[in-house]
PDB file of N, CA and C in Angstrom:
ATOM      1  N   UNK A   1       4.631   3.702  -6.632  1.00  0.00           N
ATOM      2  CA  UNK A   1       3.674   2.626  -6.747  1.00  0.00           C
ATOM      3  C   UNK A   1       4.442   1.367  -7.170  1.00  0.00           C
ATOM      4  N   UNK A   2       4.209   0.240  -6.483  1.00  0.00           N
ATOM      5  CA  UNK A   2       4.915  -0.994  -6.839  1.00  0.00           C
ATOM      6  C   UNK A   2       4.575  -1.475  -8.252  1.00  0.00           C
ATOM      7  N   UNK A   3       5.567  -2.090  -8.876  1.00  0.00           N
ATOM      8  CA  UNK A   3       5.418  -2.679 -10.196  1.00  0.00           C
ATOM      9  C   UNK A   3       5.560  -4.191 -10.060  1.00  0.00           C
ATOM     10  N   UNK A   4       4.644  -4.920 -10.684  1.00  0.00           N
ATOM     11  CA  UNK A   4       4.662  -6.383 -10.684  1.00  0.00           C
ATOM     12  C   UNK A   4       4.776  -6.855 -12.120  1.00  0.00           C
ATOM     13  N   UNK A   5       5.456  -7.990 -12.313  1.00  0.00           N
ATOM     14  CA  UNK A   5       5.579  -8.571 -13.648  1.00  0.00           C
ATOM     15  C   UNK A   5       4.969  -9.966 -13.640  1.00  0.00           C
ATOM     16  N   UNK A   6       4.043 -10.186 -14.557  1.00  0.00           N
ATOM     17  CA  UNK A   6       3.422 -11.496 -14.756  1.00  0.00           C
ATOM     18  C   UNK A   6       3.954 -12.037 -16.081  1.00  0.00           C
ATOM     19  N   UNK A   7       4.493 -13.253 -16.052  1.00  0.00           N
ATOM     20  CA  UNK A   7       5.060 -13.847 -17.253  1.00  0.00           C
ATOM     21  C   UNK A   7       4.214 -15.009 -17.732  1.00  0.00           C
ATOM     22  N   UNK A   8       3.834 -14.961 -19.002  1.00  0.00           N
ATOM     23  CA  UNK A   8       3.156 -16.091 -19.616  1.00  0.00           C
ATOM     24  C   UNK A   8       4.209 -17.161 -19.898  1.00  0.00           C
ATOM     25  N   UNK A   9       3.794 -18.412 -20.101  1.00  0.00           N
ATOM     26  CA  UNK A   9       4.757 -19.484 -20.350  1.00  0.00           C
ATOM     27  C   UNK A   9       5.684 -19.234 -21.544  1.00  0.00           C
ATOM     28  N   UNK A  10       5.218 -18.469 -22.535  1.00  0.00           N
ATOM     29  CA  UNK A  10       6.055 -18.184 -23.707  1.00  0.00           C
ATOM     30  C   UNK A  10       7.002 -17.008 -23.476  1.00  0.00           C
ATOM     31  N   UNK A  11       6.974 -16.445 -22.261  1.00  0.00           N
ATOM     32  CA  UNK A  11       7.864 -15.341 -21.926  1.00  0.00           C
ATOM     33  C   UNK A  11       7.250 -13.963 -22.066  1.00  0.00           C
ATOM     34  N   UNK A  12       6.055 -13.872 -22.642  1.00  0.00           N
ATOM     35  CA  UNK A  12       5.406 -12.564 -22.779  1.00  0.00           C
ATOM     36  C   UNK A  12       5.162 -11.982 -21.400  1.00  0.00           C
ATOM     37  N   UNK A  13       5.615 -10.754 -21.210  1.00  0.00           N
ATOM     38  CA  UNK A  13       5.518 -10.097 -19.904  1.00  0.00           C
ATOM     39  C   UNK A  13       4.362  -9.108 -19.871  1.00  0.00           C
ATOM     40  N   UNK A  14       3.697  -9.088 -18.730  1.00  0.00           N
ATOM     41  CA  UNK A  14       2.660  -8.101 -18.440  1.00  0.00           C
ATOM     42  C   UNK A  14       3.136  -7.355 -17.193  1.00  0.00           C
ATOM     43  N   UNK A  15       3.579  -6.128 -17.377  1.00  0.00           N
ATOM     44  CA  UNK A  15       4.093  -5.316 -16.277  1.00  0.00           C
ATOM     45  C   UNK A  15       2.985  -4.366 -15.857  1.00  0.00           C
ATOM     46  N   UNK A  16       2.642  -4.420 -14.580  1.00  0.00           N
ATOM     47  CA  UNK A  16       1.554  -3.584 -14.077  1.00  0.00           C
ATOM     48  C   UNK A  16       2.010  -2.792 -12.861  1.00  0.00           C
ATOM     49  N   UNK A  17       1.513  -1.590 -12.759  1.00  0.00           N
ATOM     50  CA  UNK A  17       1.716  -0.779 -11.559  1.00  0.00           C
ATOM     51  C   UNK A  17       0.443  -0.878 -10.745  1.00  0.00           C
ATOM     52  N   UNK A  18       0.599  -0.972  -9.439  1.00  0.00           N
ATOM     53  CA  UNK A  18      -0.573  -1.126  -8.581  1.00  0.00           C
ATOM     54  C   UNK A  18      -0.313  -0.483  -7.232  1.00  0.00           C
ATOM     55  N   UNK A  19      -1.336   0.031  -6.595  1.00  0.00           N
ATOM     56  CA  UNK A  19      -1.123   0.596  -5.267  1.00  0.00           C
ATOM     57  C   UNK A  19      -0.863  -0.500  -4.240  1.00  0.00           C
ATOM     58  N   UNK A  20      -0.109  -0.184  -3.232  1.00  0.00           N
ATOM     59  CA  UNK A  20       0.091  -1.104  -2.115  1.00  0.00           C
ATOM     60  C   UNK A  20      -1.260  -1.315  -1.437  1.00  0.00           C
ATOM     61  N   UNK A  21      -1.415  -2.509  -0.853  1.00  0.00           N
ATOM     62  CA  UNK A  21      -2.632  -2.808  -0.106  1.00  0.00           C
ATOM     63  C   UNK A  21      -3.609  -3.711  -0.838  1.00  0.00           C
ATOM     64  N   UNK A  22      -3.522  -3.764  -2.168  1.00  0.00           N
ATOM     65  CA  UNK A  22      -4.376  -4.684  -2.913  1.00  0.00           C
ATOM     66  C   UNK A  22      -3.657  -6.023  -3.015  1.00  0.00           C
ATOM     67  N   UNK A  23      -4.376  -7.057  -3.403  1.00  0.00           N
ATOM     68  CA  UNK A  23      -3.715  -8.345  -3.594  1.00  0.00           C
ATOM     69  C   UNK A  23      -3.058  -8.389  -4.968  1.00  0.00           C
ATOM     70  N   UNK A  24      -2.111  -9.276  -5.119  1.00  0.00           N
ATOM     71  CA  UNK A  24      -1.471  -9.473  -6.417  1.00  0.00           C
ATOM     72  C   UNK A  24      -2.524  -9.905  -7.440  1.00  0.00           C
ATOM     73  N   UNK A  25      -3.506 -10.704  -7.001  1.00  0.00           N
ATOM     74  CA  UNK A  25      -4.594 -11.114  -7.888  1.00  0.00           C
ATOM     75  C   UNK A  25      -5.401  -9.903  -8.367  1.00  0.00           C
ATOM     76  N   UNK A  26      -5.714  -8.989  -7.467  1.00  0.00           N
ATOM     77  CA  UNK A  26      -6.463  -7.795  -7.856  1.00  0.00           C
ATOM     78  C   UNK A  26      -5.670  -6.968  -8.866  1.00  0.00           C
ATOM     79  N   UNK A  27      -4.373  -6.860  -8.652  1.00  0.00           N
ATOM     80  CA  UNK A  27      -3.531  -6.126  -9.600  1.00  0.00           C
ATOM     81  C   UNK A  27      -3.606  -6.773 -10.976  1.00  0.00           C
ATOM     82  N   UNK A  28      -3.587  -8.107 -11.026  1.00  0.00           N
ATOM     83  CA  UNK A  28      -3.646  -8.826 -12.297  1.00  0.00           C
ATOM     84  C   UNK A  28      -5.004  -8.666 -12.973  1.00  0.00           C
ATOM     85  N   UNK A  29      -6.075  -8.863 -12.217  1.00  0.00           N
ATOM     86  CA  UNK A  29      -7.400  -8.792 -12.834  1.00  0.00           C
ATOM     87  C   UNK A  29      -7.759  -7.370 -13.256  1.00  0.00           C
ATOM     88  N   UNK A  30      -7.351  -6.385 -12.486  1.00  0.00           N
ATOM     89  CA  UNK A  30      -7.613  -4.987 -12.865  1.00  0.00           C
ATOM     90  C   UNK A  30      -6.906  -4.613 -14.159  1.00  0.00           C
ATOM     91  N   UNK A  31      -5.804  -5.318 -14.435  1.00  0.00           N
ATOM     92  CA  UNK A  31      -5.012  -5.032 -15.627  1.00  0.00           C
ATOM     93  C   UNK A  31      -5.169  -6.095 -16.705  1.00  0.00           C
ATOM     94  N   UNK A  32      -6.191  -6.938 -16.547  1.00  0.00           N
ATOM     95  CA  UNK A  32      -6.550  -7.955 -17.523  1.00  0.00           C
ATOM     96  C   UNK A  32      -5.387  -8.872 -17.923  1.00  0.00           C
ATOM     97  N   UNK A  33      -4.615  -9.295 -16.935  1.00  0.00           N
ATOM     98  CA  UNK A  33      -3.531 -10.236 -17.195  1.00  0.00           C
ATOM     99  C   UNK A  33      -4.152 -11.590 -17.523  1.00  0.00           C
ATOM    100  N   UNK A  34      -3.833 -12.170 -18.674  1.00  0.00           N
ATOM    101  CA  UNK A  34      -4.417 -13.459 -19.056  1.00  0.00           C
ATOM    102  C   UNK A  34      -4.005 -14.572 -18.097  1.00  0.00           C
ATOM    103  N   UNK A  35      -4.955 -15.469 -17.835  1.00  0.00           N
ATOM    104  CA  UNK A  35      -4.671 -16.624 -16.992  1.00  0.00           C
ATOM    105  C   UNK A  35      -4.898 -16.406 -15.508  1.00  0.00           C
ATOM    106  N   UNK A  36      -5.107 -15.178 -15.092  1.00  0.00           N
ATOM    107  CA  UNK A  36      -5.416 -14.880 -13.694  1.00  0.00           C
ATOM    108  C   UNK A  36      -6.883 -14.466 -13.661  1.00  0.00           C
ATOM    109  N   UNK A  37      -7.729 -15.396 -13.221  1.00  0.00           N
ATOM    110  CA  UNK A  37      -9.167 -15.155 -13.266  1.00  0.00           C
ATOM    111  C   UNK A  37      -9.686 -14.605 -11.941  1.00  0.00           C
ATOM    112  N   UNK A  38      -9.274 -15.216 -10.836  1.00  0.00           N
ATOM    113  CA  UNK A  38      -9.758 -14.752  -9.534  1.00  0.00           C
ATOM    114  C   UNK A  38     -11.248 -14.945  -9.392  1.00  0.00           C
ATOM    115  N   UNK A  39     -11.728 -16.094  -9.833  1.00  0.00           N
ATOM    116  CA  UNK A  39     -13.163 -16.387  -9.867  1.00  0.00           C
ATOM    117  C   UNK A  39     -13.868 -16.166  -8.530  1.00  0.00           C
ATOM    118  N   UNK A  40     -13.209 -16.476  -7.422  1.00  0.00           N
ATOM    119  CA  UNK A  40     -13.846 -16.350  -6.106  1.00  0.00           C
ATOM    120  C   UNK A  40     -13.696 -14.949  -5.525  1.00  0.00           C
ATOM    121  N   UNK A  41     -13.036 -14.066  -6.246  1.00  0.00           N
ATOM    122  CA  UNK A  41     -12.884 -12.699  -5.768  1.00  0.00           C
ATOM    123  C   UNK A  41     -11.847 -12.526  -4.674  1.00  0.00           C
ATOM    124  N   UNK A  42     -11.029 -13.533  -4.467  1.00  0.00           N
ATOM    125  CA  UNK A  42      -9.960 -13.420  -3.468  1.00  0.00           C
ATOM    126  C   UNK A  42     -10.255 -14.111  -2.161  1.00  0.00           C
ATOM    127  N   UNK A  43     -11.235 -14.990  -2.148  1.00  0.00           N
ATOM    128  CA  UNK A  43     -11.630 -15.688  -0.911  1.00  0.00           C
ATOM    129  C   UNK A  43     -10.861 -16.980  -0.664  1.00  0.00           C
ATOM    130  N   UNK A  44      -9.919 -17.296  -1.527  1.00  0.00           N
ATOM    131  CA  UNK A  44      -9.096 -18.503  -1.391  1.00  0.00           C
ATOM    132  C   UNK A  44      -9.948 -19.768  -1.496  1.00  0.00           C
ATOM    133  N   UNK A  45     -10.886 -19.772  -2.476  1.00  0.00           N
ATOM    134  CA  UNK A  45     -11.748 -20.945  -2.630  1.00  0.00           C
ATOM    135  C   UNK A  45     -11.790 -21.496  -4.050  1.00  0.00           C
ATOM    136  N   UNK A  46     -10.905 -21.010  -4.960  1.00  0.00           N
ATOM    137  CA  UNK A  46     -11.029 -21.505  -6.334  1.00  0.00           C
ATOM    138  C   UNK A  46      -9.709 -21.859  -7.014  1.00  0.00           C
ATOM    139  N   UNK A  47      -8.615 -21.307  -6.609  1.00  0.00           N
ATOM    140  CA  UNK A  47      -7.288 -21.549  -7.190  1.00  0.00           C
ATOM    141  C   UNK A  47      -7.150 -21.060  -8.630  1.00  0.00           C
ATOM    142  N   UNK A  48      -8.020 -20.155  -9.091  1.00  0.00           N
ATOM    143  CA  UNK A  48      -7.905 -19.621 -10.450  1.00  0.00           C
ATOM    144  C   UNK A  48      -6.962 -18.420 -10.516  1.00  0.00           C
ATOM    145  N   UNK A  49      -6.232 -18.192  -9.456  1.00  0.00           N
ATOM    146  CA  UNK A  49      -5.219 -17.131  -9.441  1.00  0.00           C
ATOM    147  C   UNK A  49      -3.842 -17.721  -9.120  1.00  0.00           C
ATOM    148  N   UNK A  50      -3.697 -19.001  -9.402  1.00  0.00           N
ATOM    149  CA  UNK A  50      -2.450 -19.713  -9.137  1.00  0.00           C
ATOM    150  C   UNK A  50      -1.314 -19.155  -9.997  1.00  0.00           C
ATOM    151  N   UNK A  51      -0.189 -18.919  -9.371  1.00  0.00           N
ATOM    152  CA  UNK A  51       1.027 -18.484 -10.062  1.00  0.00           C
ATOM    153  C   UNK A  51       2.224 -19.179  -9.432  1.00  0.00           C
ATOM    154  N   UNK A  52       3.340 -19.140 -10.161  1.00  0.00           N
ATOM    155  CA  UNK A  52       4.634 -19.548  -9.614  1.00  0.00           C
ATOM    156  C   UNK A  52       5.387 -18.261  -9.314  1.00  0.00           C
ATOM    157  N   UNK A  53       5.739 -18.078  -8.070  1.00  0.00           N
ATOM    158  CA  UNK A  53       6.499 -16.896  -7.691  1.00  0.00           C
ATOM    159  C   UNK A  53       7.964 -17.131  -8.049  1.00  0.00           C
ATOM    160  N   UNK A  54       8.589 -16.151  -8.667  1.00  0.00           N
ATOM    161  CA  UNK A  54       9.993 -16.263  -9.016  1.00  0.00           C
ATOM    162  C   UNK A  54      10.799 -16.596  -7.759  1.00  0.00           C
ATOM    163  N   UNK A  55      11.759 -17.493  -7.904  1.00  0.00           N
ATOM    164  CA  UNK A  55      12.537 -17.980  -6.754  1.00  0.00           C
ATOM    165  C   UNK A  55      13.180 -16.852  -5.957  1.00  0.00           C
ATOM    166  N   UNK A  56      13.605 -15.807  -6.620  1.00  0.00           N
ATOM    167  CA  UNK A  56      14.231 -14.677  -5.926  1.00  0.00           C
ATOM    168  C   UNK A  56      13.262 -13.964  -4.987  1.00  0.00           C
ATOM    169  N   UNK A  57      11.964 -14.123  -5.217  1.00  0.00           N
ATOM    170  CA  UNK A  57      10.939 -13.442  -4.425  1.00  0.00           C
ATOM    171  C   UNK A  57      10.221 -14.367  -3.452  1.00  0.00           C
ATOM    172  N   UNK A  58      10.207 -15.647  -3.729  1.00  0.00           N
ATOM    173  CA  UNK A  58       9.405 -16.589  -2.951  1.00  0.00           C
ATOM    174  C   UNK A  58       9.707 -16.508  -1.446  1.00  0.00           C
ATOM    175  N   UNK A  59      10.949 -16.491  -1.080  1.00  0.00           N
ATOM    176  CA  UNK A  59      11.337 -16.461   0.328  1.00  0.00           C
ATOM    177  C   UNK A  59      11.017 -15.158   1.041  1.00  0.00           C
ATOM    178  N   UNK A  60      10.704 -14.124   0.298  1.00  0.00           N
ATOM    179  CA  UNK A  60      10.370 -12.822   0.897  1.00  0.00           C
ATOM    180  C   UNK A  60       8.903 -12.744   1.325  1.00  0.00           C
ATOM    181  N   UNK A  61       8.116 -13.712   0.865  1.00  0.00           N
ATOM    182  CA  UNK A  61       6.687 -13.700   1.172  1.00  0.00           C
ATOM    183  C   UNK A  61       6.401 -14.425   2.477  1.00  0.00           C
ATOM    184  N   UNK A  62       5.302 -14.042   3.129  1.00  0.00           N
ATOM    185  CA  UNK A  62       4.814 -14.833   4.252  1.00  0.00           C
ATOM    186  C   UNK A  62       4.454 -16.208   3.715  1.00  0.00           C
ATOM    187  N   UNK A  63       4.581 -17.221   4.540  1.00  0.00           N
ATOM    188  CA  UNK A  63       4.252 -18.584   4.117  1.00  0.00           C
ATOM    189  C   UNK A  63       2.762 -18.720   3.852  1.00  0.00           C
ATOM    190  N   UNK A  64       2.431 -19.632   2.956  1.00  0.00           N
ATOM    191  CA  UNK A  64       1.023 -19.940   2.687  1.00  0.00           C
ATOM    192  C   UNK A  64       0.419 -20.591   3.925  1.00  0.00           C
ATOM    193  N   UNK A  65      -0.789 -20.164   4.292  1.00  0.00           N
ATOM    194  CA  UNK A  65      -1.448 -20.780   5.445  1.00  0.00           C
ATOM    195  C   UNK A  65      -2.057 -22.121   5.031  1.00  0.00           C
ATOM    196  N   UNK A  66      -2.646 -22.805   5.984  1.00  0.00           N
ATOM    197  CA  UNK A  66      -3.185 -24.141   5.753  1.00  0.00           C
ATOM    198  C   UNK A  66      -4.280 -24.140   4.678  1.00  0.00           C
ATOM    199  N   UNK A  67      -5.131 -23.129   4.688  1.00  0.00           N
ATOM    200  CA  UNK A  67      -6.209 -23.052   3.699  1.00  0.00           C
ATOM    201  C   UNK A  67      -5.630 -22.916   2.290  1.00  0.00           C
ATOM    202  N   UNK A  68      -4.671 -22.014   2.124  1.00  0.00           N
ATOM    203  CA  UNK A  68      -4.058 -21.825   0.810  1.00  0.00           C
ATOM    204  C   UNK A  68      -3.334 -23.096   0.363  1.00  0.00           C
ATOM    205  N   UNK A  69      -2.619 -23.735   1.263  1.00  0.00           N
ATOM    206  CA  UNK A  69      -1.921 -24.972   0.915  1.00  0.00           C
ATOM    207  C   UNK A  69      -2.906 -26.030   0.416  1.00  0.00           C
ATOM    208  N   UNK A  70      -4.054 -26.131   1.061  1.00  0.00           N
ATOM    209  CA  UNK A  70      -5.074 -27.082   0.637  1.00  0.00           C
ATOM    210  C   UNK A  70      -5.618 -26.769  -0.742  1.00  0.00           C
ATOM    211  N   UNK A  71      -5.845 -25.487  -1.019  1.00  0.00           N
ATOM    212  CA  UNK A  71      -6.350 -25.086  -2.333  1.00  0.00           C
ATOM    213  C   UNK A  71      -5.309 -25.318  -3.418  1.00  0.00           C
ATOM    214  N   UNK A  72      -4.040 -25.145  -3.087  1.00  0.00           N
ATOM    215  CA  UNK A  72      -2.983 -25.353  -4.079  1.00  0.00           C
ATOM    216  C   UNK A  72      -2.910 -26.806  -4.544  1.00  0.00           C
ATOM    217  N   UNK A  73      -3.354 -27.721  -3.703  1.00  0.00           N
ATOM    218  CA  UNK A  73      -3.349 -29.132  -4.097  1.00  0.00           C
ATOM    219  C   UNK A  73      -4.250 -29.378  -5.303  1.00  0.00           C
ATOM    220  N   UNK A  74      -5.270 -28.549  -5.477  1.00  0.00           N
ATOM    221  CA  UNK A  74      -6.184 -28.700  -6.605  1.00  0.00           C
ATOM    222  C   UNK A  74      -5.919 -27.717  -7.736  1.00  0.00           C
ATOM    223  N   UNK A  75      -4.844 -26.958  -7.631  1.00  0.00           N
ATOM    224  CA  UNK A  75      -4.521 -25.967  -8.657  1.00  0.00           C
ATOM    225  C   UNK A  75      -3.981 -26.647  -9.913  1.00  0.00           C
ATOM    226  N   UNK A  76      -3.995 -25.924 -11.010  1.00  0.00           N
ATOM    227  CA  UNK A  76      -3.422 -26.397 -12.266  1.00  0.00           C
ATOM    228  C   UNK A  76      -1.904 -26.443 -12.116  1.00  0.00           C
ATOM    229  N   UNK A  77      -1.320 -27.618 -12.312  1.00  0.00           N
ATOM    230  CA  UNK A  77       0.137 -27.789 -12.333  1.00  0.00           C
ATOM    231  C   UNK A  77       0.849 -27.161 -11.131  1.00  0.00           C
ATOM    232  N   UNK A  78       0.489 -27.538  -9.891  1.00  0.00           N
ATOM    233  CA  UNK A  78       1.174 -26.946  -8.735  1.00  0.00           C
ATOM    234  C   UNK A  78       2.641 -27.372  -8.679  1.00  0.00           C
ATOM    235  N   UNK A  79       3.447 -26.534  -8.091  1.00  0.00           N
ATOM    236  CA  UNK A  79       4.872 -26.804  -7.947  1.00  0.00           C
ATOM    237  C   UNK A  79       5.401 -26.194  -6.665  1.00  0.00           C
ATOM    238  N   UNK A  80       6.694 -26.311  -6.424  1.00  0.00           N
ATOM    239  CA  UNK A  80       7.274 -25.832  -5.160  1.00  0.00           C
ATOM    240  C   UNK A  80       7.230 -24.316  -4.975  1.00  0.00           C
ATOM    241  N   UNK A  81       7.050 -23.565  -6.047  1.00  0.00           N
ATOM    242  CA  UNK A  81       6.988 -22.101  -5.953  1.00  0.00           C
ATOM    243  C   UNK A  81       5.570 -21.578  -6.158  1.00  0.00           C
ATOM    244  N   UNK A  82       4.592 -22.483  -6.069  1.00  0.00           N
ATOM    245  CA  UNK A  82       3.194 -22.113  -6.280  1.00  0.00           C
ATOM    246  C   UNK A  82       2.634 -21.289  -5.135  1.00  0.00           C
ATOM    247  N   UNK A  83       1.818 -20.322  -5.507  1.00  0.00           N
ATOM    248  CA  UNK A  83       1.032 -19.539  -4.548  1.00  0.00           C
ATOM    249  C   UNK A  83      -0.265 -19.135  -5.223  1.00  0.00           C
ATOM    250  N   UNK A  84      -1.260 -18.857  -4.396  1.00  0.00           N
ATOM    251  CA  UNK A  84      -2.483 -18.222  -4.875  1.00  0.00           C
ATOM    252  C   UNK A  84      -2.257 -16.734  -4.698  1.00  0.00           C
ATOM    253  N   UNK A  85      -2.270 -15.995  -5.786  1.00  0.00           N
ATOM    254  CA  UNK A  85      -1.884 -14.588  -5.661  1.00  0.00           C
ATOM    255  C   UNK A  85      -2.948 -13.732  -4.993  1.00  0.00           C
ATOM    256  N   UNK A  86      -4.139 -14.304  -4.731  1.00  0.00           N
ATOM    257  CA  UNK A  86      -5.130 -13.567  -3.946  1.00  0.00           C
ATOM    258  C   UNK A  86      -4.693 -13.457  -2.484  1.00  0.00           C
ATOM    259  N   UNK A  87      -3.758 -14.288  -2.089  1.00  0.00           N
ATOM    260  CA  UNK A  87      -3.324 -14.321  -0.699  1.00  0.00           C
ATOM    261  C   UNK A  87      -2.047 -13.519  -0.460  1.00  0.00           C
ATOM    262  N   UNK A  88      -1.582 -12.822  -1.464  1.00  0.00           N
ATOM    263  CA  UNK A  88      -0.364 -12.004  -1.341  1.00  0.00           C
ATOM    264  C   UNK A  88      -0.748 -10.543  -1.475  1.00  0.00           C
ATOM    265  N   UNK A  89      -0.558  -9.784  -0.416  1.00  0.00           N
ATOM    266  CA  UNK A  89      -0.839  -8.345  -0.453  1.00  0.00           C
ATOM    267  C   UNK A  89       0.367  -7.602  -1.006  1.00  0.00           C
ATOM    268  N   UNK A  90       0.112  -6.673  -1.889  1.00  0.00           N
ATOM    269  CA  UNK A  90       1.166  -5.848  -2.463  1.00  0.00           C
ATOM    270  C   UNK A  90       1.643  -4.856  -1.408  1.00  0.00           C
ATOM    271  N   UNK A  91       2.948  -4.793  -1.245  1.00  0.00           N
ATOM    272  CA  UNK A  91       3.586  -3.809  -0.375  1.00  0.00           C
ATOM    273  C   UNK A  91       4.686  -3.124  -1.182  1.00  0.00           C
ATOM    274  N   UNK A  92       5.190  -2.039  -0.675  1.00  0.00           N
ATOM    275  CA  UNK A  92       6.304  -1.356  -1.336  1.00  0.00           C
ATOM    276  C   UNK A  92       7.505  -2.288  -1.450  1.00  0.00           C
ATOM    277  N   UNK A  93       7.665  -3.190  -0.475  1.00  0.00           N
ATOM    278  CA  UNK A  93       8.788  -4.135  -0.481  1.00  0.00           C
ATOM    279  C   UNK A  93       8.679  -5.162  -1.605  1.00  0.00           C
ATOM    280  N   UNK A  94       7.490  -5.330  -2.160  1.00  0.00           N
ATOM    281  CA  UNK A  94       7.304  -6.285  -3.261  1.00  0.00           C
ATOM    282  C   UNK A  94       7.445  -5.637  -4.634  1.00  0.00           C
ATOM    283  N   UNK A  95       7.900  -4.384  -4.667  1.00  0.00           N
ATOM    284  CA  UNK A  95       8.135  -3.714  -5.939  1.00  0.00           C
ATOM    285  C   UNK A  95       9.125  -4.544  -6.761  1.00  0.00           C
ATOM    286  N   UNK A  96       8.708  -4.975  -7.946  1.00  0.00           N
ATOM    287  CA  UNK A  96       9.555  -5.796  -8.805  1.00  0.00           C
ATOM    288  C   UNK A  96       9.217  -7.276  -8.792  1.00  0.00           C
ATOM    289  N   UNK A  97       8.248  -7.683  -7.970  1.00  0.00           N
ATOM    290  CA  UNK A  97       7.842  -9.091  -7.879  1.00  0.00           C
ATOM    291  C   UNK A  97       7.562  -9.673  -9.258  1.00  0.00           C
ATOM    292  N   UNK A  98       8.011 -10.911  -9.457  1.00  0.00           N
ATOM    293  CA  UNK A  98       7.774 -11.623 -10.722  1.00  0.00           C
ATOM    294  C   UNK A  98       6.968 -12.882 -10.429  1.00  0.00           C
ATOM    295  N   UNK A  99       5.869 -13.037 -11.151  1.00  0.00           N
ATOM    296  CA  UNK A  99       5.007 -14.214 -11.013  1.00  0.00           C
ATOM    297  C   UNK A  99       4.804 -14.834 -12.392  1.00  0.00           C
ATOM    298  N   UNK A 100       4.923 -16.155 -12.463  1.00  0.00           N
ATOM    299  CA  UNK A 100       4.772 -16.876 -13.725  1.00  0.00           C
ATOM    300  C   UNK A 100       3.399 -17.568 -13.747  1.00  0.00           C
ATOM    301  N   UNK A 101       2.744 -17.495 -14.880  1.00  0.00           N
ATOM    302  CA  UNK A 101       1.406 -18.075 -15.037  1.00  0.00           C
ATOM    303  C   UNK A 101       1.555 -19.502 -15.577  1.00  0.00           C
ATOM    304  N   UNK A 102       0.927 -20.497 -14.940  1.00  0.00           N
ATOM    305  CA  UNK A 102       1.009 -21.870 -15.444  1.00  0.00           C
ATOM    306  C   UNK A 102       0.410 -21.994 -16.845  1.00  0.00           C
ATOM    307  N   UNK A 103       1.059 -22.793 -17.681  1.00  0.00           N
ATOM    308  CA  UNK A 103       0.604 -22.975 -19.069  1.00  0.00           C
ATOM    309  C   UNK A 103      -0.834 -23.483 -19.134  1.00  0.00           C
ATOM    310  N   UNK A 104      -1.202 -24.393 -18.241  1.00  0.00           N
ATOM    311  CA  UNK A 104      -2.535 -24.959 -18.263  1.00  0.00           C
ATOM    312  C   UNK A 104      -3.624 -24.016 -17.807  1.00  0.00           C
ATOM    313  N   UNK A 105      -3.249 -22.860 -17.368  1.00  0.00           N
ATOM    314  CA  UNK A 105      -4.219 -21.884 -16.874  1.00  0.00           C
ATOM    315  C   UNK A 105      -4.597 -20.866 -17.956  1.00  0.00           C
ATOM    316  N   UNK A 106      -3.883 -20.889 -19.054  1.00  0.00           N
ATOM    317  CA  UNK A 106      -4.159 -19.934 -20.139  1.00  0.00           C
ATOM    318  C   UNK A 106      -5.162 -20.495 -21.111  1.00  0.00           C
TER     319      UNK A 106
END
């Protein structure tokens, strides 16, 4: 089962195991990771699951589509490594993924 790490701005890590096929947002909300709300349930309409993907992992992901890019413009503190984690499906290849939670989202 893939393991994902969510890092709070102060460095506190939340390591979760999750089955492949769910979104990174679902993995976070099922494990009560602070700062990942997923208010829209994964429909890409709220940006409450915004994270910064660790640079080592960012290039391994499919690119954000136009809808996600538009939603990221309204996210808390967007940056070059920003993604909505509802749009990233967990696969075995993402075992070890690291996502950072924006300070303004906590």
